[in-house]
Amino acid sequence: MIEKTVENELVKQVKEIGGICWKFTVPSTSGVPDRIILYHGKAYFVETKAPGKKPRPLQRKIHRMMAEQGFPVTIIDKPEQVAPFIKHIQGDIKL
């Protein structure tokens, strides 16, 4: 399984609940999360990975910087992790 499979599942499930799941890029800045999700007045940042893969050092640094500003990054590396994330943004559970 590749990262794109995980990312496609995230996009599909976010759309199913009426959210927006945009590819997130920042010109001249590497290491930003793959996706920004907009749902009910809130923004969520998600890094997708192939199963078992971890963020690179630069990604971890950017994720820490974002978290310090109050914008945590969720890492999803398996399609089955998407549903719990969806429940989280719907307010049903804490991750």
Protein backbone atom coordinates (compact mmCIF):
# COMPACT_ATOMS: atom_id res chain seq x y z
CA MET A 1 0.00 0.00 0.00
CA ILE A 2 1.23 3.47 -0.83
CA GLU A 3 0.71 6.87 0.78
CA LYS A 4 -1.72 7.89 -1.98
CA THR A 5 -4.14 5.15 -0.85
CA VAL A 6 -4.21 6.62 2.66
CA GLU A 7 -4.56 10.16 1.33
CA ASN A 8 -7.41 9.19 -1.03
CA GLU A 9 -9.32 7.59 1.85
CA LEU A 10 -8.91 10.76 3.91
CA VAL A 11 -10.18 12.95 1.08
CA LYS A 12 -13.15 10.63 0.46
CA GLN A 13 -14.27 10.51 4.10
CA VAL A 14 -13.85 14.25 4.67
CA LYS A 15 -15.99 14.96 1.60
CA GLU A 16 -18.62 12.47 2.84
CA ILE A 17 -19.17 14.56 5.99
CA GLY A 18 -19.29 17.82 4.04
CA GLY A 19 -15.78 19.02 4.85
CA ILE A 20 -13.08 20.42 2.60
CA CYS A 21 -9.80 18.53 2.24
CA TRP A 22 -7.28 20.55 0.28
CA LYS A 23 -3.76 19.60 -0.70
CA PHE A 24 -1.60 21.90 1.44
CA THR A 25 1.53 23.44 -0.05
CA VAL A 26 3.55 26.46 0.93
CA PRO A 27 5.85 27.81 -1.78
CA SER A 28 9.49 27.80 -0.70
CA THR A 29 8.72 25.86 2.51
CA SER A 30 9.29 22.12 2.61
CA GLY A 31 7.97 19.80 5.30
CA VAL A 32 4.44 21.18 5.68
CA PRO A 33 1.60 18.67 6.22
CA ASP A 34 0.00 17.10 3.14
CA ARG A 35 -3.58 18.18 3.78
CA ILE A 36 -5.57 20.94 5.44
CA ILE A 37 -9.12 19.99 6.42
CA LEU A 38 -11.75 22.68 6.94
CA TYR A 39 -14.80 21.57 8.87
CA HIS A 40 -17.38 23.52 10.84
CA GLY A 41 -15.23 26.59 11.38
CA LYS A 42 -12.03 24.77 12.29
CA ALA A 43 -8.84 23.84 10.45
CA TYR A 44 -7.01 20.54 10.87
CA PHE A 45 -3.63 19.60 9.44
CA VAL A 46 -2.87 16.01 8.42
CA GLU A 47 0.33 14.34 7.31
CA THR A 48 -0.35 11.14 5.37
CA LYS A 49 2.22 8.38 5.15
CA ALA A 50 2.48 4.89 3.74
CA PRO A 51 1.85 2.26 6.44
CA GLY A 52 4.70 2.17 8.95
CA LYS A 53 6.46 5.23 7.52
CA LYS A 54 7.33 8.13 9.82
CA PRO A 55 7.71 11.85 9.10
CA ARG A 56 11.16 12.99 8.00
CA PRO A 57 13.21 15.18 10.37
CA LEU A 58 12.25 18.39 8.54
CA GLN A 59 8.57 17.39 8.69
CA ARG A 60 8.84 16.72 12.42
CA LYS A 61 10.43 20.15 12.90
CA ILE A 62 7.64 21.89 10.97
CA HIS A 63 5.00 19.87 12.84
CA ARG A 64 6.51 20.97 16.18
CA MET A 65 6.56 24.60 15.05
CA MET A 66 2.91 24.39 14.07
CA ALA A 67 1.93 22.69 17.34
CA GLU A 68 3.71 25.44 19.30
CA GLN A 69 1.42 27.92 17.54
CA GLY A 70 -1.66 25.89 18.47
CA PHE A 71 -2.00 23.93 15.22
CA PRO A 72 -1.23 20.27 15.92
CA VAL A 73 -0.61 17.93 12.99
CA THR A 74 -2.26 14.51 12.89
CA ILE A 75 -0.25 11.74 11.23
CA ILE A 76 -2.27 9.05 9.47
CA ASP A 77 -0.44 6.05 8.00
CA LYS A 78 -3.25 3.50 7.63
CA PRO A 79 -6.67 3.80 5.97
CA GLU A 80 -8.33 2.46 9.13
CA GLN A 81 -7.03 5.51 11.06
CA VAL A 82 -9.16 7.83 8.93
CA ALA A 83 -12.54 6.95 10.53
CA PRO A 84 -11.34 7.76 14.09
CA PHE A 85 -9.93 11.06 12.80
CA ILE A 86 -13.29 11.86 11.19
CA LYS A 87 -15.07 11.12 14.48
CA HIS A 88 -12.56 13.37 16.23
CA ILE A 89 -13.24 16.35 13.99
CA GLN A 90 -16.97 15.73 14.36
CA GLY A 91 -16.45 16.08 18.11
CA ASP A 92 -17.23 12.47 19.06
CA ILE A 93 -13.82 11.42 20.40
CA LYS A 94 -10.40 12.75 21.36
CA LEU A 95 -7.31 11.50 19.54
